[in-house]
Amino acid sequence: MQADIFIDFVQEGDRRSNYNFVETFRRILENSSISNNKPITPVVIPPANDNVHNRFPVVTDATNYNVKAPVLISPEEATVFNHYPRKTKLVWNPVPEAVRYLVEVDYYYRNGWHLDYTGQKLRSLMVPTTEFEFNFVGAQPGRWRVAAVLANGEVGVKSEWRTFRYTR
């Protein structure tokens, strides 16, 4: 389900001010609901470059169980990387109905996953293709998963978590 809320997000100036905007908006929405009384979760899609203005829908937290999870391709489960910088490329197979994909990345923190300790993933964002490249946070374990997103904003079933590890 797609809410009738749109956000203009421009990646300019201080990243912290953009984060504060998103955090404030998230807090407002945590106490909001739409017609089915389920909470809605904002998903920020950063622009492709600093000069582009994007409009995008807020996506609900409801899962459309009719949309299969993408099949993850690489990196394979338990891959160990020994390079720096920690440029990481995630690749998965397309889902026919998808117009974009929700990518979630997490990292191991102290004695568990960061998501389990804080409720927040390292990254959670939308991408229009079946790959995503980023610099991983540190020399430690990480994990990732992907879900298809339909044109109406519904999110399909999330893939399994797949783990990897950086040694430096």
N, C-alpha and C. Protein backbone atom coordinates (compact mmCIF):
# COMPACT_ATOMS: atom_id res chain seq x y z
N MET A 1 0.83 -1.17 0.00
CA MET A 1 0.00 0.00 0.00
C MET A 1 0.88 1.24 0.00
N GLN A 2 0.49 2.24 -0.73
CA GLN A 2 1.27 3.47 -0.85
C GLN A 2 0.50 4.60 -0.19
N ALA A 3 1.16 5.34 0.65
CA ALA A 3 0.54 6.49 1.29
C ALA A 3 0.58 7.68 0.36
N ASP A 4 -0.29 8.64 0.58
CA ASP A 4 -0.32 9.85 -0.23
C ASP A 4 0.60 10.92 0.34
N ILE A 5 1.79 10.53 0.72
CA ILE A 5 2.78 11.46 1.28
C ILE A 5 4.00 11.41 0.40
N PHE A 6 4.51 12.59 0.06
CA PHE A 6 5.73 12.66 -0.75
C PHE A 6 6.74 13.53 -0.03
N ILE A 7 8.00 13.21 -0.22
CA ILE A 7 9.08 13.97 0.41
C ILE A 7 9.99 14.48 -0.69
N ASP A 8 10.35 15.75 -0.61
CA ASP A 8 11.41 16.26 -1.46
C ASP A 8 12.70 16.10 -0.68
N PHE A 9 13.68 15.43 -1.25
CA PHE A 9 14.94 15.20 -0.57
C PHE A 9 16.06 15.63 -1.49
N VAL A 10 16.82 16.59 -1.06
CA VAL A 10 17.96 17.05 -1.84
C VAL A 10 19.20 16.85 -1.00
N GLN A 11 20.16 16.17 -1.56
CA GLN A 11 21.39 15.89 -0.84
C GLN A 11 22.35 17.06 -1.06
N GLU A 12 22.26 18.06 -0.19
CA GLU A 12 23.10 19.24 -0.29
C GLU A 12 23.65 19.57 1.08
N GLY A 13 24.77 20.24 1.11
CA GLY A 13 25.30 20.77 2.36
C GLY A 13 25.59 19.71 3.39
N ASP A 14 25.24 20.03 4.62
CA ASP A 14 25.56 19.18 5.76
C ASP A 14 24.69 17.92 5.76
N ARG A 15 25.34 16.76 5.71
CA ARG A 15 24.60 15.49 5.74
C ARG A 15 23.79 15.36 7.03
N ARG A 16 24.31 15.90 8.14
CA ARG A 16 23.61 15.79 9.41
C ARG A 16 22.24 16.47 9.33
N SER A 17 22.14 17.62 8.64
CA SER A 17 20.85 18.29 8.54
C SER A 17 19.86 17.44 7.75
N ASN A 18 20.32 16.75 6.72
CA ASN A 18 19.45 15.84 5.98
C ASN A 18 19.00 14.70 6.88
N TYR A 19 19.93 14.15 7.67
CA TYR A 19 19.60 13.06 8.57
C TYR A 19 18.56 13.53 9.59
N ASN A 20 18.76 14.74 10.15
CA ASN A 20 17.81 15.25 11.14
C ASN A 20 16.43 15.41 10.54
N PHE A 21 16.37 15.87 9.28
CA PHE A 21 15.08 16.00 8.61
C PHE A 21 14.40 14.64 8.51
N VAL A 22 15.14 13.66 8.06
CA VAL A 22 14.57 12.32 7.90
C VAL A 22 14.17 11.74 9.25
N GLU A 23 15.03 11.90 10.27
CA GLU A 23 14.72 11.40 11.61
C GLU A 23 13.45 12.05 12.15
N THR A 24 13.33 13.35 11.99
CA THR A 24 12.15 14.06 12.46
C THR A 24 10.91 13.56 11.74
N PHE A 25 11.00 13.41 10.42
CA PHE A 25 9.88 12.91 9.65
C PHE A 25 9.50 11.50 10.09
N ARG A 26 10.52 10.66 10.33
CA ARG A 26 10.26 9.28 10.78
C ARG A 26 9.51 9.29 12.10
N ARG A 27 9.93 10.14 13.03
CA ARG A 27 9.26 10.21 14.34
C ARG A 27 7.81 10.65 14.21
N ILE A 28 7.55 11.60 13.32
CA ILE A 28 6.17 12.04 13.09
C ILE A 28 5.35 10.87 12.57
N LEU A 29 5.90 10.13 11.61
CA LEU A 29 5.16 9.04 11.01
C LEU A 29 4.97 7.85 11.94
N GLU A 30 5.87 7.69 12.91
CA GLU A 30 5.73 6.57 13.85
C GLU A 30 4.41 6.67 14.61
N ASN A 31 3.93 7.88 14.79
CA ASN A 31 2.68 8.08 15.52
C ASN A 31 1.50 8.29 14.58
N SER A 32 1.70 8.03 13.30
CA SER A 32 0.65 8.20 12.30
C SER A 32 0.19 6.84 11.81
N SER A 33 -0.93 6.83 11.14
CA SER A 33 -1.39 5.60 10.50
C SER A 33 -2.17 5.97 9.25
N ILE A 34 -2.39 4.98 8.41
CA ILE A 34 -3.19 5.19 7.21
C ILE A 34 -4.47 4.38 7.37
N SER A 35 -5.27 4.27 6.35
CA SER A 35 -6.62 3.74 6.47
C SER A 35 -6.70 2.36 7.14
N ASN A 36 -5.70 1.54 7.02
CA ASN A 36 -5.77 0.21 7.64
C ASN A 36 -5.20 0.20 9.06
N ASN A 37 -4.90 1.38 9.59
CA ASN A 37 -4.37 1.56 10.95
C ASN A 37 -3.03 0.87 11.19
N LYS A 38 -2.30 0.56 10.13
CA LYS A 38 -0.96 0.02 10.29
C LYS A 38 0.02 1.17 10.20
N PRO A 39 1.10 1.14 10.98
CA PRO A 39 2.07 2.23 10.91
C PRO A 39 2.75 2.27 9.55
N ILE A 40 3.19 3.45 9.14
CA ILE A 40 3.91 3.59 7.89
C ILE A 40 5.36 3.96 8.20
N THR A 41 6.25 3.52 7.35
CA THR A 41 7.68 3.73 7.53
C THR A 41 8.24 4.49 6.35
N PRO A 42 8.88 5.64 6.58
CA PRO A 42 9.46 6.35 5.44
C PRO A 42 10.70 5.65 4.92
N VAL A 43 10.87 5.65 3.62
CA VAL A 43 12.06 5.11 2.99
C VAL A 43 12.66 6.22 2.16
N VAL A 44 13.88 6.62 2.47
CA VAL A 44 14.52 7.72 1.76
C VAL A 44 15.32 7.18 0.60
N ILE A 45 15.07 7.70 -0.57
CA ILE A 45 15.82 7.34 -1.76
C ILE A 45 16.68 8.53 -2.12
N PRO A 46 17.98 8.50 -1.82
CA PRO A 46 18.80 9.66 -2.13
C PRO A 46 18.90 9.88 -3.63
N PRO A 47 19.09 11.13 -4.04
CA PRO A 47 19.22 11.41 -5.46
C PRO A 47 20.48 10.81 -6.05
N ALA A 48 20.46 10.62 -7.37
CA ALA A 48 21.61 10.03 -8.06
C ALA A 48 22.83 10.94 -7.98
N ASN A 49 22.62 12.22 -7.92
CA ASN A 49 23.74 13.14 -7.73
C ASN A 49 23.25 14.34 -6.92
N ASP A 50 24.16 15.17 -6.47
CA ASP A 50 23.81 16.26 -5.56
C ASP A 50 22.92 17.33 -6.17
N ASN A 51 22.76 17.36 -7.48
CA ASN A 51 22.00 18.43 -8.12
C ASN A 51 20.59 18.01 -8.53
N VAL A 52 20.19 16.82 -8.15
CA VAL A 52 18.90 16.30 -8.61
C VAL A 52 17.88 16.32 -7.47
N HIS A 53 16.67 16.80 -7.75
CA HIS A 53 15.56 16.75 -6.80
C HIS A 53 14.73 15.53 -7.15
N ASN A 54 14.41 14.70 -6.16
CA ASN A 54 13.59 13.51 -6.39
C ASN A 54 12.32 13.59 -5.56
N ARG A 55 11.23 13.11 -6.10
CA ARG A 55 10.00 12.92 -5.34
C ARG A 55 9.75 11.42 -5.33
N PHE A 56 9.32 10.92 -4.19
CA PHE A 56 9.11 9.49 -4.10
C PHE A 56 8.08 9.19 -3.03
N PRO A 57 7.37 8.07 -3.15
CA PRO A 57 6.35 7.73 -2.16
C PRO A 57 6.96 7.13 -0.91
N VAL A 58 6.26 7.32 0.18
CA VAL A 58 6.60 6.61 1.41
C VAL A 58 6.05 5.21 1.27
N VAL A 59 6.82 4.22 1.66
CA VAL A 59 6.42 2.82 1.51
C VAL A 59 5.97 2.30 2.86
N THR A 60 4.90 1.52 2.89
CA THR A 60 4.39 0.98 4.14
C THR A 60 5.25 -0.19 4.61
N ASP A 61 5.03 -0.61 5.84
CA ASP A 61 5.77 -1.76 6.36
C ASP A 61 5.04 -3.07 6.08
N ALA A 62 3.90 -3.03 5.41
CA ALA A 62 3.15 -4.24 5.09
C ALA A 62 3.90 -5.04 4.03
N THR A 63 3.90 -6.36 4.18
CA THR A 63 4.57 -7.24 3.21
C THR A 63 3.53 -7.84 2.28
N ASN A 64 3.80 -7.79 0.98
CA ASN A 64 2.96 -8.46 0.00
C ASN A 64 3.54 -9.86 -0.19
N TYR A 65 2.90 -10.85 0.39
CA TYR A 65 3.43 -12.22 0.37
C TYR A 65 3.29 -12.89 -1.00
N ASN A 66 2.63 -12.24 -1.95
CA ASN A 66 2.52 -12.78 -3.31
C ASN A 66 3.74 -12.44 -4.15
N VAL A 67 4.58 -11.55 -3.67
CA VAL A 67 5.79 -11.15 -4.41
C VAL A 67 6.98 -11.88 -3.80
N LYS A 68 7.57 -12.75 -4.57
CA LYS A 68 8.69 -13.57 -4.09
C LYS A 68 9.92 -12.73 -3.76
N ALA A 69 10.74 -13.24 -2.89
CA ALA A 69 12.01 -12.60 -2.55
C ALA A 69 12.99 -12.75 -3.71
N PRO A 70 13.81 -11.74 -3.95
CA PRO A 70 14.86 -11.89 -4.97
C PRO A 70 15.85 -12.98 -4.57
N VAL A 71 16.40 -13.66 -5.56
CA VAL A 71 17.45 -14.66 -5.32
C VAL A 71 18.78 -13.92 -5.29
N LEU A 72 19.49 -14.04 -4.18
CA LEU A 72 20.77 -13.36 -4.02
C LEU A 72 21.86 -14.08 -4.82
N ILE A 73 22.74 -13.30 -5.48
CA ILE A 73 23.79 -13.89 -6.30
C ILE A 73 25.16 -13.71 -5.64
N SER A 74 25.53 -12.46 -5.38
CA SER A 74 26.84 -12.27 -4.77
C SER A 74 26.86 -11.02 -3.91
N PRO A 75 27.69 -11.03 -2.87
CA PRO A 75 28.64 -12.10 -2.55
C PRO A 75 27.91 -13.33 -1.99
N GLU A 76 28.57 -14.48 -2.17
CA GLU A 76 28.01 -15.72 -1.66
C GLU A 76 28.06 -15.74 -0.14
N GLU A 77 27.26 -16.62 0.45
CA GLU A 77 27.20 -16.75 1.91
C GLU A 77 28.60 -16.99 2.48
N ALA A 78 28.93 -16.26 3.55
CA ALA A 78 30.17 -16.39 4.31
C ALA A 78 31.42 -16.00 3.52
N THR A 79 31.28 -15.14 2.52
CA THR A 79 32.44 -14.65 1.77
C THR A 79 33.34 -13.85 2.70
N VAL A 80 34.65 -14.05 2.58
CA VAL A 80 35.63 -13.30 3.37
C VAL A 80 36.39 -12.38 2.41
N PHE A 81 36.39 -11.08 2.74
CA PHE A 81 37.10 -10.09 1.94
C PHE A 81 38.33 -9.63 2.70
N ASN A 82 39.43 -9.40 1.97
CA ASN A 82 40.65 -8.93 2.59
C ASN A 82 41.20 -7.73 1.81
N HIS A 83 40.33 -6.78 1.49
CA HIS A 83 40.78 -5.61 0.76
C HIS A 83 40.28 -4.33 1.43
N TYR A 84 41.00 -3.26 1.18
CA TYR A 84 40.64 -1.95 1.67
C TYR A 84 40.92 -0.94 0.56
N PRO A 85 40.07 -0.02 0.24
CA PRO A 85 38.79 0.24 0.91
C PRO A 85 37.82 -0.93 0.75
N ARG A 86 36.83 -0.95 1.61
CA ARG A 86 35.89 -2.08 1.68
C ARG A 86 34.72 -1.89 0.72
N LYS A 87 35.03 -1.67 -0.54
CA LYS A 87 33.99 -1.51 -1.56
C LYS A 87 33.30 -2.86 -1.74
N THR A 88 32.00 -2.86 -1.55
CA THR A 88 31.21 -4.09 -1.58
C THR A 88 30.12 -3.97 -2.63
N LYS A 89 30.02 -4.97 -3.48
CA LYS A 89 28.99 -4.97 -4.52
C LYS A 89 28.02 -6.12 -4.25
N LEU A 90 26.75 -5.78 -4.12
CA LEU A 90 25.69 -6.76 -3.90
C LEU A 90 24.94 -6.97 -5.22
N VAL A 91 24.65 -8.23 -5.56
CA VAL A 91 23.97 -8.53 -6.82
C VAL A 91 22.89 -9.59 -6.54
N TRP A 92 21.72 -9.43 -7.18
CA TRP A 92 20.63 -10.37 -7.03
C TRP A 92 19.86 -10.47 -8.35
N ASN A 93 19.06 -11.51 -8.49
CA ASN A 93 18.24 -11.71 -9.68
C ASN A 93 17.02 -10.80 -9.65
N PRO A 94 16.54 -10.36 -10.82
CA PRO A 94 15.36 -9.49 -10.85
C PRO A 94 14.09 -10.25 -10.47
N VAL A 95 13.11 -9.50 -9.98
CA VAL A 95 11.77 -10.01 -9.73
C VAL A 95 10.87 -9.33 -10.76
N PRO A 96 10.10 -10.08 -11.55
CA PRO A 96 9.35 -9.51 -12.68
C PRO A 96 8.50 -8.29 -12.34
N GLU A 97 7.81 -8.29 -11.21
CA GLU A 97 6.89 -7.19 -10.88
C GLU A 97 7.59 -5.97 -10.29
N ALA A 98 8.86 -6.09 -9.94
CA ALA A 98 9.55 -5.03 -9.20
C ALA A 98 9.86 -3.81 -10.07
N VAL A 99 9.69 -2.63 -9.47
CA VAL A 99 10.11 -1.39 -10.12
C VAL A 99 11.36 -0.84 -9.42
N ARG A 100 11.62 -1.32 -8.22
CA ARG A 100 12.84 -1.04 -7.49
C ARG A 100 12.99 -2.08 -6.39
N TYR A 101 14.10 -1.96 -5.65
CA TYR A 101 14.40 -2.96 -4.62
C TYR A 101 14.78 -2.27 -3.32
N LEU A 102 14.33 -2.85 -2.22
CA LEU A 102 14.72 -2.40 -0.89
C LEU A 102 15.94 -3.22 -0.49
N VAL A 103 17.06 -2.55 -0.24
CA VAL A 103 18.30 -3.21 0.16
C VAL A 103 18.58 -2.87 1.61
N GLU A 104 18.84 -3.88 2.42
CA GLU A 104 19.17 -3.68 3.83
C GLU A 104 20.55 -4.27 4.11
N VAL A 105 21.39 -3.48 4.76
CA VAL A 105 22.75 -3.92 5.13
C VAL A 105 22.90 -3.72 6.63
N ASP A 106 23.48 -4.69 7.29
CA ASP A 106 23.68 -4.64 8.74
C ASP A 106 25.12 -5.06 9.03
N TYR A 107 25.60 -4.77 10.23
CA TYR A 107 26.95 -5.19 10.62
C TYR A 107 26.95 -5.75 12.03
N TYR A 108 27.96 -6.59 12.31
CA TYR A 108 28.08 -7.21 13.61
C TYR A 108 28.64 -6.19 14.59
N TYR A 109 27.98 -6.04 15.73
CA TYR A 109 28.29 -4.99 16.70
C TYR A 109 28.44 -5.63 18.07
N ARG A 110 29.64 -5.57 18.61
CA ARG A 110 29.96 -6.18 19.92
C ARG A 110 29.64 -7.67 19.90
N ASN A 111 28.51 -8.08 20.51
CA ASN A 111 28.18 -9.50 20.55
C ASN A 111 26.92 -9.84 19.77
N GLY A 112 26.60 -9.02 18.78
CA GLY A 112 25.40 -9.29 17.99
C GLY A 112 25.28 -8.32 16.84
N TRP A 113 24.22 -8.46 16.09
CA TRP A 113 23.99 -7.60 14.94
C TRP A 113 23.51 -6.23 15.40
N HIS A 114 23.96 -5.19 14.72
CA HIS A 114 23.60 -3.82 15.03
C HIS A 114 22.08 -3.65 15.07
N LEU A 115 21.36 -4.26 14.13
CA LEU A 115 19.90 -4.20 14.10
C LEU A 115 19.30 -4.72 15.39
N ASP A 116 19.85 -5.80 15.92
CA ASP A 116 19.32 -6.39 17.15
C ASP A 116 19.55 -5.49 18.36
N TYR A 117 20.67 -4.76 18.39
CA TYR A 117 20.99 -3.86 19.51
C TYR A 117 20.24 -2.55 19.43
N THR A 118 20.12 -1.99 18.24
CA THR A 118 19.60 -0.62 18.11
C THR A 118 18.26 -0.53 17.38
N GLY A 119 17.88 -1.58 16.68
CA GLY A 119 16.67 -1.51 15.87
C GLY A 119 16.89 -0.83 14.53
N GLN A 120 18.15 -0.45 14.24
CA GLN A 120 18.47 0.24 12.99
C GLN A 120 19.48 -0.55 12.19
N LYS A 121 19.27 -0.60 10.88
CA LYS A 121 20.24 -1.22 9.99
C LYS A 121 21.30 -0.19 9.61
N LEU A 122 22.47 -0.65 9.20
CA LEU A 122 23.50 0.26 8.72
C LEU A 122 22.97 1.06 7.54
N ARG A 123 22.35 0.38 6.60
CA ARG A 123 21.74 1.02 5.43
C ARG A 123 20.42 0.34 5.13
N SER A 124 19.46 1.13 4.73
CA SER A 124 18.18 0.63 4.26
C SER A 124 17.71 1.62 3.21
N LEU A 125 17.79 1.24 1.95
CA LEU A 125 17.46 2.19 0.90
C LEU A 125 16.91 1.50 -0.33
N MET A 126 16.36 2.30 -1.22
CA MET A 126 15.79 1.80 -2.46
C MET A 126 16.78 1.98 -3.60
N VAL A 127 16.84 0.97 -4.48
CA VAL A 127 17.67 1.08 -5.68
C VAL A 127 16.84 0.62 -6.88
N PRO A 128 17.09 1.20 -8.06
CA PRO A 128 16.28 0.85 -9.23
C PRO A 128 16.79 -0.36 -10.01
N THR A 129 17.97 -0.89 -9.66
CA THR A 129 18.57 -1.99 -10.40
C THR A 129 18.80 -3.19 -9.50
N THR A 130 19.36 -4.25 -10.05
CA THR A 130 19.59 -5.48 -9.30
C THR A 130 21.02 -5.57 -8.77
N GLU A 131 21.61 -4.42 -8.50
CA GLU A 131 22.92 -4.40 -7.84
C GLU A 131 23.07 -3.10 -7.07
N PHE A 132 23.92 -3.17 -6.05
CA PHE A 132 24.17 -2.01 -5.21
C PHE A 132 25.61 -2.08 -4.72
N GLU A 133 26.34 -0.99 -4.84
CA GLU A 133 27.74 -0.93 -4.42
C GLU A 133 27.90 0.14 -3.35
N PHE A 134 28.67 -0.18 -2.31
CA PHE A 134 28.87 0.74 -1.20
C PHE A 134 30.17 0.41 -0.49
N ASN A 135 30.62 1.30 0.37
CA ASN A 135 31.79 1.05 1.21
C ASN A 135 31.31 0.57 2.57
N PHE A 136 31.75 -0.64 2.95
CA PHE A 136 31.32 -1.22 4.22
C PHE A 136 32.01 -0.52 5.38
N VAL A 137 31.39 -0.56 6.55
CA VAL A 137 31.78 0.23 7.70
C VAL A 137 33.10 -0.16 8.36
N GLY A 138 33.49 -1.44 8.40
CA GLY A 138 34.70 -1.79 9.13
C GLY A 138 35.18 -3.20 8.87
N ALA A 139 36.27 -3.55 9.55
CA ALA A 139 36.83 -4.90 9.46
C ALA A 139 36.06 -5.79 10.43
N GLN A 140 34.93 -6.27 9.99
CA GLN A 140 34.01 -7.03 10.84
C GLN A 140 33.00 -7.74 9.96
N PRO A 141 32.16 -8.59 10.54
CA PRO A 141 31.11 -9.26 9.76
C PRO A 141 30.01 -8.29 9.35
N GLY A 142 29.38 -8.60 8.22
CA GLY A 142 28.23 -7.86 7.75
C GLY A 142 27.20 -8.83 7.19
N ARG A 143 26.02 -8.31 6.91
CA ARG A 143 24.98 -9.13 6.28
C ARG A 143 24.09 -8.23 5.45
N TRP A 144 23.39 -8.85 4.48
CA TRP A 144 22.52 -8.08 3.60
C TRP A 144 21.33 -8.91 3.16
N ARG A 145 20.27 -8.21 2.76
CA ARG A 145 19.09 -8.86 2.20
C ARG A 145 18.37 -7.86 1.30
N VAL A 146 17.46 -8.36 0.47
CA VAL A 146 16.80 -7.54 -0.53
C VAL A 146 15.32 -7.94 -0.63
N ALA A 147 14.47 -6.97 -0.94
CA ALA A 147 13.05 -7.23 -1.22
C ALA A 147 12.65 -6.43 -2.45
N ALA A 148 11.75 -6.98 -3.24
CA ALA A 148 11.21 -6.28 -4.41
C ALA A 148 10.17 -5.26 -3.94
N VAL A 149 10.10 -4.13 -4.65
CA VAL A 149 9.10 -3.11 -4.37
C VAL A 149 8.27 -2.91 -5.64
N LEU A 150 6.96 -2.97 -5.49
CA LEU A 150 6.05 -2.83 -6.62
C LEU A 150 5.78 -1.35 -6.93
N ALA A 151 5.17 -1.09 -8.07
CA ALA A 151 4.86 0.28 -8.47
C ALA A 151 3.92 0.97 -7.49
N ASN A 152 3.06 0.20 -6.81
CA ASN A 152 2.13 0.79 -5.86
C ASN A 152 2.75 0.99 -4.47
N GLY A 153 4.06 0.68 -4.32
CA GLY A 153 4.75 0.88 -3.05
C GLY A 153 4.80 -0.33 -2.15
N GLU A 154 4.07 -1.38 -2.50
CA GLU A 154 4.09 -2.58 -1.66
C GLU A 154 5.46 -3.25 -1.75
N VAL A 155 5.90 -3.77 -0.61
CA VAL A 155 7.20 -4.46 -0.52
C VAL A 155 6.94 -5.96 -0.47
N GLY A 156 7.68 -6.71 -1.29
CA GLY A 156 7.53 -8.16 -1.30
C GLY A 156 8.27 -8.81 -0.15
N VAL A 157 8.29 -10.11 -0.17
CA VAL A 157 8.99 -10.90 0.85
C VAL A 157 10.48 -10.59 0.78
N LYS A 158 11.10 -10.41 1.93
CA LYS A 158 12.55 -10.15 1.98
C LYS A 158 13.31 -11.45 1.81
N SER A 159 14.45 -11.36 1.15
CA SER A 159 15.32 -12.53 1.00
C SER A 159 15.88 -12.92 2.36
N GLU A 160 16.54 -14.05 2.41
CA GLU A 160 17.25 -14.43 3.62
C GLU A 160 18.43 -13.47 3.82
N TRP A 161 18.89 -13.34 5.06
CA TRP A 161 20.12 -12.58 5.30
C TRP A 161 21.28 -13.39 4.74
N ARG A 162 22.20 -12.73 4.09
CA ARG A 162 23.44 -13.37 3.62
C ARG A 162 24.60 -12.64 4.27
N THR A 163 25.54 -13.41 4.83
CA THR A 163 26.64 -12.81 5.59
C THR A 163 27.94 -12.75 4.78
N PHE A 164 28.80 -11.82 5.19
CA PHE A 164 30.16 -11.67 4.65
C PHE A 164 31.02 -11.11 5.77
N ARG A 165 32.32 -11.07 5.54
CA ARG A 165 33.23 -10.56 6.59
C ARG A 165 34.43 -9.88 5.96
N TYR A 166 34.81 -8.75 6.54
CA TYR A 166 36.04 -8.06 6.15
C TYR A 166 37.10 -8.29 7.21
N THR A 167 38.31 -8.60 6.77
CA THR A 167 39.41 -8.84 7.71
C THR A 167 40.29 -7.60 7.91
N ARG A 168 40.17 -6.61 7.03
CA ARG A 168 40.92 -5.36 7.20
C ARG A 168 40.13 -4.17 6.69
